[in-house]
N, C-alpha and C. Protein backbone atom coordinates (compact mmCIF):
# COMPACT_ATOMS: atom_id res chain seq x y z
N MET A 1 46.45 -53.39 -9.01
CA MET A 1 46.36 -53.09 -10.42
C MET A 1 44.92 -53.25 -10.92
N ASN A 2 44.22 -54.29 -10.51
CA ASN A 2 42.84 -54.48 -10.90
C ASN A 2 41.96 -53.33 -10.42
N ARG A 3 42.24 -52.87 -9.21
CA ARG A 3 41.47 -51.76 -8.65
C ARG A 3 41.65 -50.50 -9.49
N THR A 4 42.86 -50.24 -9.96
CA THR A 4 43.13 -49.06 -10.79
C THR A 4 42.36 -49.16 -12.10
N LYS A 5 42.36 -50.32 -12.73
CA LYS A 5 41.61 -50.51 -13.96
C LYS A 5 40.12 -50.31 -13.72
N HIS A 6 39.64 -50.82 -12.60
CA HIS A 6 38.23 -50.69 -12.25
C HIS A 6 37.86 -49.22 -12.06
N LEU A 7 38.69 -48.48 -11.35
CA LEU A 7 38.42 -47.06 -11.12
C LEU A 7 38.48 -46.27 -12.43
N ARG A 8 39.41 -46.62 -13.30
CA ARG A 8 39.49 -45.95 -14.61
C ARG A 8 38.23 -46.21 -15.42
N ALA A 9 37.75 -47.45 -15.36
CA ALA A 9 36.53 -47.80 -16.10
C ALA A 9 35.33 -47.01 -15.57
N ILE A 10 35.23 -46.89 -14.25
CA ILE A 10 34.13 -46.12 -13.66
C ILE A 10 34.25 -44.65 -14.06
N ALA A 11 35.44 -44.10 -13.99
CA ALA A 11 35.65 -42.70 -14.38
C ALA A 11 35.30 -42.49 -15.85
N PHE A 12 35.69 -43.45 -16.69
CA PHE A 12 35.38 -43.34 -18.11
C PHE A 12 33.86 -43.30 -18.33
N VAL A 13 33.14 -44.18 -17.64
CA VAL A 13 31.69 -44.21 -17.78
C VAL A 13 31.08 -42.92 -17.28
N ILE A 14 31.46 -42.47 -16.11
CA ILE A 14 30.89 -41.25 -15.53
C ILE A 14 31.21 -40.04 -16.40
N PHE A 15 32.46 -39.85 -16.72
CA PHE A 15 32.84 -38.67 -17.48
C PHE A 15 32.49 -38.79 -18.96
N GLY A 16 32.37 -40.01 -19.45
CA GLY A 16 31.94 -40.22 -20.84
C GLY A 16 30.47 -39.91 -21.02
N LEU A 17 29.66 -40.22 -20.01
CA LEU A 17 28.22 -39.96 -20.10
C LEU A 17 27.85 -38.55 -19.71
N LEU A 18 28.71 -37.87 -18.97
CA LEU A 18 28.41 -36.53 -18.50
C LEU A 18 28.05 -35.56 -19.63
N PRO A 19 28.82 -35.47 -20.70
CA PRO A 19 28.43 -34.55 -21.77
C PRO A 19 27.08 -34.90 -22.38
N MET A 20 26.78 -36.21 -22.52
CA MET A 20 25.50 -36.60 -23.07
C MET A 20 24.37 -36.18 -22.14
N THR A 21 24.55 -36.38 -20.86
CA THR A 21 23.52 -36.01 -19.90
C THR A 21 23.31 -34.51 -19.90
N GLN A 22 24.38 -33.75 -19.99
CA GLN A 22 24.23 -32.31 -20.01
C GLN A 22 23.48 -31.86 -21.25
N THR A 23 23.74 -32.48 -22.39
CA THR A 23 23.05 -32.12 -23.61
C THR A 23 21.58 -32.48 -23.51
N VAL A 24 21.29 -33.68 -23.08
CA VAL A 24 19.91 -34.14 -23.04
C VAL A 24 19.10 -33.39 -21.99
N TRP A 25 19.69 -33.11 -20.85
CA TRP A 25 18.91 -32.52 -19.77
C TRP A 25 19.25 -31.06 -19.51
N ALA A 26 19.79 -30.36 -20.50
CA ALA A 26 20.08 -28.94 -20.34
C ALA A 26 18.77 -28.16 -20.24
N VAL A 27 17.69 -28.74 -20.71
CA VAL A 27 16.37 -28.14 -20.60
C VAL A 27 15.54 -29.08 -19.74
N GLY A 28 14.35 -28.68 -19.39
CA GLY A 28 13.53 -29.52 -18.53
C GLY A 28 13.08 -30.79 -19.22
N SER A 29 12.85 -31.82 -18.43
CA SER A 29 12.27 -33.05 -18.97
C SER A 29 10.80 -33.09 -18.59
N ILE A 30 10.01 -33.78 -19.41
CA ILE A 30 8.57 -33.83 -19.18
C ILE A 30 8.06 -35.21 -19.53
N GLU A 31 7.11 -35.70 -18.78
CA GLU A 31 6.48 -36.99 -19.04
C GLU A 31 5.45 -36.83 -20.17
N ALA A 32 5.18 -37.91 -20.87
CA ALA A 32 4.26 -37.89 -22.01
C ALA A 32 2.87 -37.40 -21.63
N GLN A 33 2.34 -37.86 -20.51
CA GLN A 33 0.98 -37.45 -20.09
C GLN A 33 0.92 -35.94 -19.85
N ALA A 34 1.94 -35.40 -19.21
CA ALA A 34 1.98 -33.95 -18.96
C ALA A 34 2.13 -33.19 -20.26
N ALA A 35 2.92 -33.72 -21.17
CA ALA A 35 3.10 -33.09 -22.48
C ALA A 35 1.77 -33.04 -23.22
N ALA A 36 1.05 -34.16 -23.23
CA ALA A 36 -0.24 -34.23 -23.90
C ALA A 36 -1.23 -33.23 -23.31
N ALA A 37 -1.23 -33.11 -21.99
CA ALA A 37 -2.15 -32.18 -21.32
C ALA A 37 -1.84 -30.73 -21.71
N ARG A 38 -0.57 -30.38 -21.80
CA ARG A 38 -0.19 -29.01 -22.19
C ARG A 38 -0.55 -28.72 -23.64
N VAL A 39 -0.35 -29.70 -24.51
CA VAL A 39 -0.70 -29.51 -25.91
C VAL A 39 -2.23 -29.35 -26.03
N LYS A 40 -2.97 -30.21 -25.33
CA LYS A 40 -4.44 -30.15 -25.36
C LYS A 40 -4.95 -28.81 -24.82
N ALA A 41 -4.28 -28.29 -23.80
CA ALA A 41 -4.68 -27.01 -23.22
C ALA A 41 -4.31 -25.82 -24.11
N GLY A 42 -3.49 -26.08 -25.12
CA GLY A 42 -3.09 -25.01 -26.04
C GLY A 42 -1.92 -24.18 -25.56
N THR A 43 -1.22 -24.66 -24.52
CA THR A 43 -0.09 -23.90 -23.99
C THR A 43 1.25 -24.39 -24.53
N ALA A 44 1.21 -25.47 -25.32
CA ALA A 44 2.45 -26.05 -25.84
C ALA A 44 2.23 -26.67 -27.21
N VAL A 45 3.33 -26.82 -27.94
CA VAL A 45 3.35 -27.59 -29.18
C VAL A 45 4.38 -28.70 -29.00
N ILE A 46 4.24 -29.74 -29.79
CA ILE A 46 5.17 -30.86 -29.68
C ILE A 46 5.81 -31.09 -31.04
N ILE A 47 7.12 -31.34 -31.02
CA ILE A 47 7.88 -31.54 -32.25
C ILE A 47 8.61 -32.88 -32.20
N ASP A 48 8.45 -33.64 -33.28
CA ASP A 48 9.11 -34.94 -33.46
C ASP A 48 10.32 -34.69 -34.36
N VAL A 49 11.53 -34.97 -33.86
CA VAL A 49 12.74 -34.72 -34.65
C VAL A 49 13.37 -35.99 -35.21
N ARG A 50 12.59 -37.07 -35.27
CA ARG A 50 13.12 -38.31 -35.85
C ARG A 50 13.16 -38.20 -37.37
N GLU A 51 13.93 -39.08 -37.98
CA GLU A 51 14.05 -39.11 -39.44
C GLU A 51 12.87 -39.88 -40.06
N ALA A 52 12.70 -39.73 -41.36
CA ALA A 52 11.56 -40.31 -42.09
C ALA A 52 11.40 -41.81 -41.82
N GLU A 53 12.48 -42.55 -41.83
CA GLU A 53 12.42 -43.99 -41.61
C GLU A 53 11.84 -44.31 -40.22
N GLU A 54 12.17 -43.49 -39.23
CA GLU A 54 11.70 -43.71 -37.87
C GLU A 54 10.23 -43.34 -37.72
N VAL A 55 9.79 -42.35 -38.44
CA VAL A 55 8.42 -41.85 -38.32
C VAL A 55 7.42 -42.79 -38.99
N LYS A 56 7.89 -43.70 -39.82
CA LYS A 56 6.99 -44.64 -40.49
C LYS A 56 6.15 -45.43 -39.50
N GLU A 57 6.69 -45.69 -38.30
CA GLU A 57 5.95 -46.44 -37.28
C GLU A 57 4.88 -45.59 -36.60
N GLY A 58 4.87 -44.32 -36.89
CA GLY A 58 3.89 -43.41 -36.32
C GLY A 58 4.55 -42.28 -35.56
N LYS A 59 3.74 -41.27 -35.23
CA LYS A 59 4.20 -40.14 -34.43
C LYS A 59 3.06 -39.68 -33.54
N ALA A 60 3.39 -38.90 -32.55
CA ALA A 60 2.35 -38.36 -31.68
C ALA A 60 1.37 -37.58 -32.56
N GLU A 61 0.08 -37.81 -32.36
CA GLU A 61 -0.92 -37.21 -33.24
C GLU A 61 -0.80 -35.69 -33.38
N PRO A 62 -0.53 -34.95 -32.31
CA PRO A 62 -0.46 -33.50 -32.51
C PRO A 62 0.92 -32.99 -32.92
N ALA A 63 1.89 -33.89 -33.12
CA ALA A 63 3.29 -33.46 -33.32
C ALA A 63 3.53 -32.85 -34.69
N ILE A 64 4.38 -31.85 -34.70
CA ILE A 64 4.94 -31.28 -35.92
C ILE A 64 6.17 -32.13 -36.21
N TRP A 65 6.31 -32.57 -37.46
CA TRP A 65 7.49 -33.38 -37.79
C TRP A 65 8.56 -32.48 -38.40
N LEU A 66 9.72 -32.50 -37.77
CA LEU A 66 10.87 -31.73 -38.24
C LEU A 66 12.10 -32.62 -38.05
N ALA A 67 12.50 -33.27 -39.12
CA ALA A 67 13.61 -34.23 -39.05
C ALA A 67 14.90 -33.56 -38.61
N THR A 68 15.71 -34.29 -37.89
CA THR A 68 17.01 -33.78 -37.46
C THR A 68 17.85 -33.32 -38.64
N SER A 69 17.74 -34.03 -39.77
CA SER A 69 18.50 -33.61 -40.96
C SER A 69 18.05 -32.24 -41.44
N ASP A 70 16.76 -31.92 -41.29
CA ASP A 70 16.26 -30.57 -41.64
C ASP A 70 16.85 -29.53 -40.69
N ILE A 71 16.95 -29.89 -39.43
CA ILE A 71 17.51 -28.98 -38.43
C ILE A 71 18.97 -28.71 -38.72
N LYS A 72 19.71 -29.78 -39.01
CA LYS A 72 21.14 -29.63 -39.29
C LYS A 72 21.39 -28.79 -40.53
N SER A 73 20.59 -28.98 -41.57
CA SER A 73 20.81 -28.22 -42.81
C SER A 73 20.15 -26.84 -42.75
N GLN A 74 19.27 -26.66 -41.76
CA GLN A 74 18.51 -25.42 -41.61
C GLN A 74 17.84 -25.05 -42.93
N ASN A 75 17.24 -26.06 -43.55
CA ASN A 75 16.59 -25.89 -44.84
C ASN A 75 15.30 -25.09 -44.74
N GLU A 76 14.58 -25.02 -45.85
CA GLU A 76 13.36 -24.23 -45.93
C GLU A 76 12.30 -24.71 -44.94
N HIS A 77 12.15 -26.04 -44.82
CA HIS A 77 11.17 -26.58 -43.87
C HIS A 77 11.51 -26.18 -42.43
N PHE A 78 12.78 -26.29 -42.09
CA PHE A 78 13.24 -25.86 -40.76
C PHE A 78 12.90 -24.39 -40.53
N GLN A 79 13.23 -23.55 -41.49
CA GLN A 79 12.98 -22.11 -41.36
C GLN A 79 11.49 -21.83 -41.17
N LYS A 80 10.63 -22.54 -41.90
CA LYS A 80 9.19 -22.33 -41.79
C LYS A 80 8.68 -22.74 -40.40
N VAL A 81 9.09 -23.91 -39.95
CA VAL A 81 8.65 -24.38 -38.64
C VAL A 81 9.10 -23.40 -37.56
N LEU A 82 10.34 -22.97 -37.63
CA LEU A 82 10.87 -22.03 -36.64
C LEU A 82 10.10 -20.71 -36.67
N LYS A 83 9.82 -20.22 -37.86
CA LYS A 83 9.09 -18.96 -38.02
C LYS A 83 7.66 -19.07 -37.47
N ASP A 84 7.04 -20.24 -37.65
CA ASP A 84 5.66 -20.43 -37.23
C ASP A 84 5.49 -20.74 -35.74
N LEU A 85 6.59 -21.02 -35.03
CA LEU A 85 6.48 -21.30 -33.59
C LEU A 85 6.05 -20.05 -32.83
N ASP A 86 5.07 -20.22 -31.97
CA ASP A 86 4.59 -19.13 -31.13
C ASP A 86 5.51 -19.03 -29.91
N PRO A 87 6.22 -17.92 -29.75
CA PRO A 87 7.15 -17.79 -28.62
C PRO A 87 6.46 -17.80 -27.25
N LYS A 88 5.14 -17.65 -27.25
CA LYS A 88 4.40 -17.68 -25.98
C LYS A 88 4.06 -19.11 -25.56
N LYS A 89 4.23 -20.06 -26.49
CA LYS A 89 3.93 -21.46 -26.17
C LYS A 89 5.20 -22.22 -25.84
N GLU A 90 5.06 -23.18 -24.97
CA GLU A 90 6.16 -24.08 -24.65
C GLU A 90 6.37 -25.03 -25.84
N VAL A 91 7.59 -25.47 -26.02
CA VAL A 91 7.90 -26.40 -27.11
C VAL A 91 8.41 -27.70 -26.48
N ILE A 92 7.71 -28.78 -26.77
CA ILE A 92 8.06 -30.10 -26.26
C ILE A 92 8.65 -30.88 -27.43
N VAL A 93 9.82 -31.45 -27.24
CA VAL A 93 10.52 -32.13 -28.32
C VAL A 93 10.77 -33.59 -27.93
N TYR A 94 10.63 -34.48 -28.91
CA TYR A 94 11.00 -35.88 -28.68
C TYR A 94 11.66 -36.45 -29.93
N CYS A 95 12.37 -37.54 -29.74
CA CYS A 95 13.00 -38.27 -30.85
C CYS A 95 12.82 -39.76 -30.56
N ALA A 96 13.84 -40.55 -30.77
CA ALA A 96 13.74 -41.98 -30.49
C ALA A 96 14.02 -42.28 -29.01
N VAL A 97 15.06 -41.64 -28.45
CA VAL A 97 15.40 -41.89 -27.05
C VAL A 97 15.64 -40.62 -26.24
N GLY A 98 15.82 -39.48 -26.87
CA GLY A 98 15.98 -38.23 -26.14
C GLY A 98 17.20 -37.40 -26.46
N GLY A 99 18.22 -37.99 -27.08
CA GLY A 99 19.45 -37.24 -27.36
C GLY A 99 19.27 -36.13 -28.37
N ARG A 100 18.70 -36.44 -29.51
CA ARG A 100 18.48 -35.42 -30.54
C ARG A 100 17.46 -34.39 -30.07
N ALA A 101 16.45 -34.87 -29.35
CA ALA A 101 15.43 -33.96 -28.82
C ALA A 101 16.07 -32.96 -27.86
N GLY A 102 16.98 -33.44 -27.03
CA GLY A 102 17.66 -32.55 -26.08
C GLY A 102 18.49 -31.49 -26.78
N LYS A 103 19.16 -31.88 -27.85
CA LYS A 103 19.98 -30.92 -28.60
C LYS A 103 19.11 -29.84 -29.24
N PHE A 104 18.00 -30.26 -29.87
CA PHE A 104 17.13 -29.28 -30.51
C PHE A 104 16.44 -28.41 -29.47
N ALA A 105 16.02 -29.00 -28.37
CA ALA A 105 15.38 -28.22 -27.30
C ALA A 105 16.36 -27.17 -26.76
N LYS A 106 17.61 -27.55 -26.64
CA LYS A 106 18.63 -26.61 -26.18
C LYS A 106 18.80 -25.47 -27.18
N MET A 107 18.77 -25.80 -28.49
CA MET A 107 18.88 -24.77 -29.52
C MET A 107 17.71 -23.78 -29.42
N LEU A 108 16.51 -24.33 -29.24
CA LEU A 108 15.33 -23.47 -29.12
C LEU A 108 15.37 -22.65 -27.84
N ASP A 109 15.86 -23.26 -26.78
CA ASP A 109 15.99 -22.55 -25.51
C ASP A 109 16.90 -21.33 -25.68
N ALA A 110 17.98 -21.48 -26.43
CA ALA A 110 18.90 -20.38 -26.69
C ALA A 110 18.24 -19.27 -27.51
N LYS A 111 17.18 -19.62 -28.24
CA LYS A 111 16.45 -18.64 -29.04
C LYS A 111 15.30 -18.02 -28.25
N GLY A 112 15.20 -18.37 -26.96
CA GLY A 112 14.21 -17.76 -26.10
C GLY A 112 12.94 -18.55 -25.87
N PHE A 113 12.85 -19.77 -26.41
CA PHE A 113 11.66 -20.59 -26.20
C PHE A 113 11.77 -21.36 -24.90
N LYS A 114 10.65 -21.58 -24.25
CA LYS A 114 10.58 -22.45 -23.07
C LYS A 114 10.46 -23.86 -23.61
N THR A 115 11.45 -24.70 -23.38
CA THR A 115 11.48 -26.01 -24.01
C THR A 115 11.51 -27.16 -23.02
N TRP A 116 11.03 -28.30 -23.49
CA TRP A 116 11.01 -29.53 -22.71
C TRP A 116 11.49 -30.68 -23.59
N ASN A 117 12.18 -31.61 -22.98
CA ASN A 117 12.61 -32.83 -23.66
C ASN A 117 11.73 -33.97 -23.14
N MET A 118 10.89 -34.51 -24.03
CA MET A 118 10.02 -35.61 -23.63
C MET A 118 10.74 -36.95 -23.74
N GLY A 119 11.92 -36.95 -24.33
CA GLY A 119 12.67 -38.20 -24.50
C GLY A 119 12.31 -38.89 -25.78
N GLY A 120 11.86 -40.14 -25.68
CA GLY A 120 11.58 -40.94 -26.87
C GLY A 120 10.11 -41.11 -27.18
N PHE A 121 9.84 -41.40 -28.44
CA PHE A 121 8.49 -41.64 -28.92
C PHE A 121 7.80 -42.76 -28.15
N SER A 122 8.57 -43.74 -27.72
CA SER A 122 7.98 -44.88 -27.00
C SER A 122 7.26 -44.43 -25.73
N SER A 123 7.72 -43.36 -25.09
CA SER A 123 7.03 -42.90 -23.87
C SER A 123 5.62 -42.42 -24.21
N TRP A 124 5.47 -41.77 -25.35
CA TRP A 124 4.14 -41.31 -25.80
C TRP A 124 3.26 -42.53 -26.13
N LYS A 125 3.82 -43.43 -26.91
CA LYS A 125 3.11 -44.62 -27.37
C LYS A 125 2.72 -45.51 -26.19
N ASN A 126 3.65 -45.73 -25.27
CA ASN A 126 3.40 -46.59 -24.10
C ASN A 126 2.39 -45.99 -23.13
N ALA A 127 2.22 -44.67 -23.19
CA ALA A 127 1.24 -44.01 -22.33
C ALA A 127 -0.17 -44.14 -22.92
N GLY A 128 -0.28 -44.76 -24.11
CA GLY A 128 -1.58 -44.95 -24.73
C GLY A 128 -2.14 -43.68 -25.36
N LEU A 129 -1.25 -42.73 -25.64
CA LEU A 129 -1.69 -41.46 -26.24
C LEU A 129 -1.85 -41.64 -27.75
N PRO A 130 -2.64 -40.77 -28.39
CA PRO A 130 -2.93 -40.95 -29.82
C PRO A 130 -1.71 -40.87 -30.71
N VAL A 131 -1.63 -41.83 -31.62
CA VAL A 131 -0.54 -41.95 -32.58
C VAL A 131 -1.15 -41.94 -33.97
N VAL A 132 -0.49 -41.28 -34.89
CA VAL A 132 -0.93 -41.24 -36.29
C VAL A 132 0.24 -41.67 -37.18
N LYS A 133 -0.09 -42.39 -38.24
CA LYS A 133 0.95 -42.78 -39.20
C LYS A 133 0.89 -41.80 -40.37
N PRO A 134 2.06 -41.25 -40.74
CA PRO A 134 2.07 -40.27 -41.82
C PRO A 134 1.75 -40.89 -43.18
């Protein structure tokens, strides 16, 4: 009986995390240093999809800020950012840990953009890359 409960728990964890993993990694993942190099080379843009409260601690210096709430409502700011994206450039997205970034990257991927999920802001910050406070 204990073995059955144990196996159910393992199955729950594996199958419970599977949808999250598919959402987050449906597009390519990229390390912060590689993301910074692509942005510096002019072949990519970077988008921060965290909310205002989260961005208070800072954001990647070259990042465009587009809050997840703007994406969900598809408001005027969302429409402008989307319209201004160069389809020839890669789009690198990050949030706090990678889940929201993965969802938005997947949305952009469906619109024909080459997208990357950088994961969380901490990877940029921990790599010693430039941070700016809004």
